[in-house]
Amino acid sequence: MTFAVKIETADPVHLQLERFLRKELREGRLAPGQRLPTTVELARIWHVDCTTVQRAITPLVAEGLVERRPRRGTFVTNTAARGKGQIAIL
């Protein structure tokens, strides 16, 4: 997963990462059941702080696109592959 921070934009890095991960999910580069690298690994790969990675992934967890399993990692859900994950309020 190649990501480059765009310093010419006013968007915080965590939002840039969140958009990048959403695109990877939407375009199928992250498959259902696939385990993401750890927060520490992603922070090292992308040259950002661990907190930045966590802030990028948290909304994806809330929407059901990925799930965190304690002591096992973060995994892409089947919902992500179907393009769902939106919460409707009726």
N, C-alpha and C. Protein backbone atom coordinates (compact mmCIF):
# COMPACT_ATOMS: atom_id res chain seq x y z
N MET A 1 0.85 -1.18 0.00
CA MET A 1 0.00 0.00 0.00
C MET A 1 0.89 1.24 0.00
N THR A 2 0.96 1.88 -1.10
CA THR A 2 1.78 3.07 -1.22
C THR A 2 0.95 4.31 -0.99
N PHE A 3 1.35 5.10 -0.02
CA PHE A 3 0.65 6.32 0.33
C PHE A 3 1.67 7.43 0.46
N ALA A 4 1.33 8.60 -0.07
CA ALA A 4 2.22 9.76 0.06
C ALA A 4 1.41 10.92 0.64
N VAL A 5 1.92 11.51 1.70
CA VAL A 5 1.27 12.66 2.32
C VAL A 5 1.37 13.84 1.37
N LYS A 6 0.26 14.53 1.18
CA LYS A 6 0.24 15.71 0.32
C LYS A 6 0.30 16.94 1.21
N ILE A 7 1.45 17.58 1.25
CA ILE A 7 1.62 18.73 2.13
C ILE A 7 0.98 19.99 1.57
N GLU A 8 0.65 19.98 0.28
CA GLU A 8 0.04 21.17 -0.32
C GLU A 8 -1.45 21.29 -0.01
N THR A 9 -2.03 20.30 0.63
CA THR A 9 -3.44 20.33 1.00
C THR A 9 -3.58 20.68 2.48
N ALA A 10 -4.70 21.28 2.82
CA ALA A 10 -4.96 21.64 4.22
C ALA A 10 -5.53 20.47 5.02
N ASP A 11 -5.84 19.36 4.34
CA ASP A 11 -6.42 18.21 5.03
C ASP A 11 -5.40 17.57 5.97
N PRO A 12 -5.84 17.26 7.19
CA PRO A 12 -4.94 16.57 8.11
C PRO A 12 -4.52 15.22 7.54
N VAL A 13 -3.37 14.75 7.96
CA VAL A 13 -2.83 13.50 7.43
C VAL A 13 -3.77 12.33 7.71
N HIS A 14 -4.40 12.30 8.89
CA HIS A 14 -5.28 11.16 9.18
C HIS A 14 -6.46 11.11 8.21
N LEU A 15 -6.96 12.25 7.76
CA LEU A 15 -8.05 12.25 6.78
C LEU A 15 -7.55 11.80 5.41
N GLN A 16 -6.34 12.18 5.06
CA GLN A 16 -5.75 11.72 3.81
C GLN A 16 -5.60 10.19 3.83
N LEU A 17 -5.14 9.66 4.96
CA LEU A 17 -5.00 8.21 5.11
C LEU A 17 -6.35 7.51 5.07
N GLU A 18 -7.34 8.08 5.73
CA GLU A 18 -8.68 7.48 5.73
C GLU A 18 -9.21 7.39 4.30
N ARG A 19 -9.08 8.48 3.53
CA ARG A 19 -9.53 8.47 2.13
C ARG A 19 -8.76 7.44 1.30
N PHE A 20 -7.46 7.34 1.55
CA PHE A 20 -6.64 6.37 0.85
C PHE A 20 -7.12 4.94 1.13
N LEU A 21 -7.35 4.63 2.41
CA LEU A 21 -7.81 3.29 2.78
C LEU A 21 -9.19 3.00 2.21
N ARG A 22 -10.09 3.98 2.22
CA ARG A 22 -11.41 3.80 1.62
C ARG A 22 -11.30 3.45 0.15
N LYS A 23 -10.41 4.15 -0.55
CA LYS A 23 -10.21 3.90 -1.98
C LYS A 23 -9.68 2.48 -2.19
N GLU A 24 -8.72 2.07 -1.37
CA GLU A 24 -8.18 0.72 -1.47
C GLU A 24 -9.28 -0.33 -1.25
N LEU A 25 -10.16 -0.08 -0.29
CA LEU A 25 -11.27 -0.99 -0.01
C LEU A 25 -12.25 -1.00 -1.18
N ARG A 26 -12.64 0.18 -1.63
CA ARG A 26 -13.63 0.32 -2.71
C ARG A 26 -13.15 -0.35 -4.00
N GLU A 27 -11.87 -0.20 -4.29
CA GLU A 27 -11.33 -0.74 -5.54
C GLU A 27 -10.86 -2.19 -5.42
N GLY A 28 -11.07 -2.79 -4.26
CA GLY A 28 -10.79 -4.21 -4.09
C GLY A 28 -9.33 -4.58 -3.87
N ARG A 29 -8.50 -3.60 -3.62
CA ARG A 29 -7.08 -3.91 -3.36
C ARG A 29 -6.90 -4.48 -1.95
N LEU A 30 -7.89 -4.27 -1.11
CA LEU A 30 -7.92 -4.90 0.20
C LEU A 30 -9.13 -5.83 0.19
N ALA A 31 -8.88 -7.11 0.22
CA ALA A 31 -9.92 -8.12 0.05
C ALA A 31 -10.57 -8.49 1.38
N PRO A 32 -11.84 -8.93 1.34
CA PRO A 32 -12.51 -9.38 2.56
C PRO A 32 -11.69 -10.46 3.27
N GLY A 33 -11.56 -10.32 4.57
CA GLY A 33 -10.80 -11.26 5.37
C GLY A 33 -9.32 -10.95 5.45
N GLN A 34 -8.86 -10.05 4.60
CA GLN A 34 -7.44 -9.70 4.61
C GLN A 34 -7.07 -8.96 5.89
N ARG A 35 -5.95 -9.34 6.47
CA ARG A 35 -5.46 -8.69 7.68
C ARG A 35 -4.58 -7.52 7.27
N LEU A 36 -4.88 -6.35 7.85
CA LEU A 36 -4.05 -5.18 7.60
C LEU A 36 -2.78 -5.28 8.42
N PRO A 37 -1.70 -4.65 7.98
CA PRO A 37 -0.51 -4.59 8.83
C PRO A 37 -0.86 -3.90 10.15
N THR A 38 -0.06 -4.12 11.17
CA THR A 38 -0.32 -3.51 12.47
C THR A 38 -0.20 -1.99 12.36
N THR A 39 -0.73 -1.32 13.36
CA THR A 39 -0.63 0.15 13.42
C THR A 39 0.83 0.59 13.38
N VAL A 40 1.66 -0.10 14.12
CA VAL A 40 3.09 0.24 14.15
C VAL A 40 3.72 0.05 12.77
N GLU A 41 3.39 -1.05 12.11
CA GLU A 41 3.94 -1.29 10.77
C GLU A 41 3.47 -0.23 9.78
N LEU A 42 2.17 0.11 9.82
CA LEU A 42 1.65 1.12 8.90
C LEU A 42 2.28 2.49 9.17
N ALA A 43 2.45 2.82 10.44
CA ALA A 43 3.08 4.09 10.79
C ALA A 43 4.51 4.15 10.25
N ARG A 44 5.21 3.05 10.35
CA ARG A 44 6.59 3.00 9.85
C ARG A 44 6.62 3.08 8.32
N ILE A 45 5.73 2.35 7.66
CA ILE A 45 5.68 2.35 6.19
C ILE A 45 5.34 3.73 5.66
N TRP A 46 4.36 4.39 6.30
CA TRP A 46 3.86 5.67 5.80
C TRP A 46 4.57 6.87 6.43
N HIS A 47 5.51 6.63 7.34
CA HIS A 47 6.27 7.70 8.00
C HIS A 47 5.36 8.69 8.73
N VAL A 48 4.43 8.12 9.50
CA VAL A 48 3.51 8.93 10.31
C VAL A 48 3.49 8.36 11.72
N ASP A 49 2.82 9.04 12.62
CA ASP A 49 2.68 8.61 14.00
C ASP A 49 1.61 7.52 14.11
N CYS A 50 1.74 6.63 15.09
CA CYS A 50 0.74 5.58 15.31
C CYS A 50 -0.65 6.16 15.56
N THR A 51 -0.72 7.27 16.27
CA THR A 51 -2.00 7.92 16.54
C THR A 51 -2.68 8.34 15.24
N THR A 52 -1.91 8.79 14.28
CA THR A 52 -2.45 9.19 12.98
C THR A 52 -3.09 8.00 12.28
N VAL A 53 -2.43 6.86 12.32
CA VAL A 53 -2.97 5.63 11.72
C VAL A 53 -4.26 5.23 12.43
N GLN A 54 -4.25 5.26 13.75
CA GLN A 54 -5.44 4.89 14.52
C GLN A 54 -6.61 5.82 14.20
N ARG A 55 -6.35 7.12 14.09
CA ARG A 55 -7.41 8.08 13.77
C ARG A 55 -7.96 7.85 12.36
N ALA A 56 -7.15 7.34 11.46
CA ALA A 56 -7.61 7.04 10.10
C ALA A 56 -8.47 5.78 10.06
N ILE A 57 -8.13 4.80 10.86
CA ILE A 57 -8.83 3.51 10.83
C ILE A 57 -10.12 3.52 11.65
N THR A 58 -10.18 4.31 12.71
CA THR A 58 -11.34 4.32 13.61
C THR A 58 -12.67 4.55 12.89
N PRO A 59 -12.79 5.53 11.97
CA PRO A 59 -14.07 5.70 11.27
C PRO A 59 -14.43 4.49 10.39
N LEU A 60 -13.42 3.82 9.86
CA LEU A 60 -13.67 2.64 9.03
C LEU A 60 -14.21 1.50 9.88
N VAL A 61 -13.74 1.41 11.11
CA VAL A 61 -14.26 0.41 12.05
C VAL A 61 -15.71 0.76 12.39
N ALA A 62 -15.98 2.03 12.68
CA ALA A 62 -17.33 2.46 13.05
C ALA A 62 -18.34 2.18 11.93
N GLU A 63 -17.89 2.24 10.69
CA GLU A 63 -18.78 1.99 9.55
C GLU A 63 -18.84 0.51 9.18
N GLY A 64 -18.07 -0.32 9.85
CA GLY A 64 -18.11 -1.75 9.57
C GLY A 64 -17.30 -2.17 8.35
N LEU A 65 -16.43 -1.31 7.86
CA LEU A 65 -15.61 -1.66 6.69
C LEU A 65 -14.43 -2.54 7.08
N VAL A 66 -13.92 -2.32 8.28
CA VAL A 66 -12.88 -3.18 8.84
C VAL A 66 -13.27 -3.46 10.29
N GLU A 67 -12.71 -4.53 10.83
CA GLU A 67 -12.97 -4.84 12.23
C GLU A 67 -11.67 -5.15 12.94
N ARG A 68 -11.61 -4.72 14.18
CA ARG A 68 -10.44 -4.99 15.02
C ARG A 68 -10.74 -6.19 15.89
N ARG A 69 -9.83 -7.13 15.89
CA ARG A 69 -9.96 -8.31 16.73
C ARG A 69 -8.80 -8.27 17.73
N PRO A 70 -9.14 -8.15 19.01
CA PRO A 70 -8.08 -8.06 20.02
C PRO A 70 -7.05 -9.18 19.90
N ARG A 71 -5.79 -8.78 19.92
CA ARG A 71 -4.63 -9.67 19.86
C ARG A 71 -4.50 -10.40 18.53
N ARG A 72 -5.35 -10.09 17.54
CA ARG A 72 -5.27 -10.75 16.23
C ARG A 72 -5.00 -9.76 15.12
N GLY A 73 -5.56 -8.54 15.22
CA GLY A 73 -5.30 -7.55 14.19
C GLY A 73 -6.56 -6.89 13.67
N THR A 74 -6.40 -6.15 12.57
CA THR A 74 -7.50 -5.45 11.92
C THR A 74 -7.74 -6.13 10.58
N PHE A 75 -9.01 -6.48 10.32
CA PHE A 75 -9.35 -7.25 9.13
C PHE A 75 -10.42 -6.54 8.31
N VAL A 76 -10.34 -6.73 6.99
CA VAL A 76 -11.34 -6.19 6.08
C VAL A 76 -12.59 -7.06 6.22
N THR A 77 -13.74 -6.42 6.33
CA THR A 77 -15.00 -7.16 6.47
C THR A 77 -15.61 -7.44 5.10
N ASN A 78 -16.59 -8.34 5.08
CA ASN A 78 -17.32 -8.62 3.85
C ASN A 78 -18.14 -7.41 3.43
N THR A 79 -18.56 -6.61 4.38
CA THR A 79 -19.33 -5.39 4.10
C THR A 79 -18.55 -4.46 3.18
N ALA A 80 -17.26 -4.37 3.39
CA ALA A 80 -16.41 -3.49 2.59
C ALA A 80 -16.45 -3.90 1.12
N ALA A 81 -16.49 -5.19 0.88
CA ALA A 81 -16.49 -5.69 -0.51
C ALA A 81 -17.81 -5.39 -1.21
N ARG A 82 -18.89 -5.32 -0.47
CA ARG A 82 -20.20 -5.06 -1.07
C ARG A 82 -20.47 -3.58 -1.24
N GLY A 83 -19.55 -2.76 -0.72
CA GLY A 83 -19.74 -1.32 -0.85
C GLY A 83 -20.77 -0.77 0.10
N LYS A 84 -21.09 -1.55 1.13
CA LYS A 84 -22.06 -1.11 2.11
C LYS A 84 -21.33 -0.55 3.30
N GLY A 85 -22.00 -0.49 4.42
CA GLY A 85 -21.36 0.00 5.61
C GLY A 85 -21.94 1.33 6.04
N GLN A 86 -22.90 1.83 5.29
CA GLN A 86 -23.55 3.07 5.66
C GLN A 86 -24.66 2.77 6.67
N ILE A 87 -24.81 3.62 7.62
CA ILE A 87 -25.83 3.45 8.63
C ILE A 87 -27.01 4.35 8.28
N ALA A 88 -28.18 3.78 8.20
CA ALA A 88 -29.37 4.57 7.88
C ALA A 88 -30.18 4.81 9.15
N ILE A 89 -30.66 6.01 9.30
CA ILE A 89 -31.54 6.33 10.42
C ILE A 89 -32.94 6.51 9.85
N LEU A 90 -33.83 5.67 10.33
CA LEU A 90 -35.21 5.71 9.82
C LEU A 90 -36.12 6.39 10.79
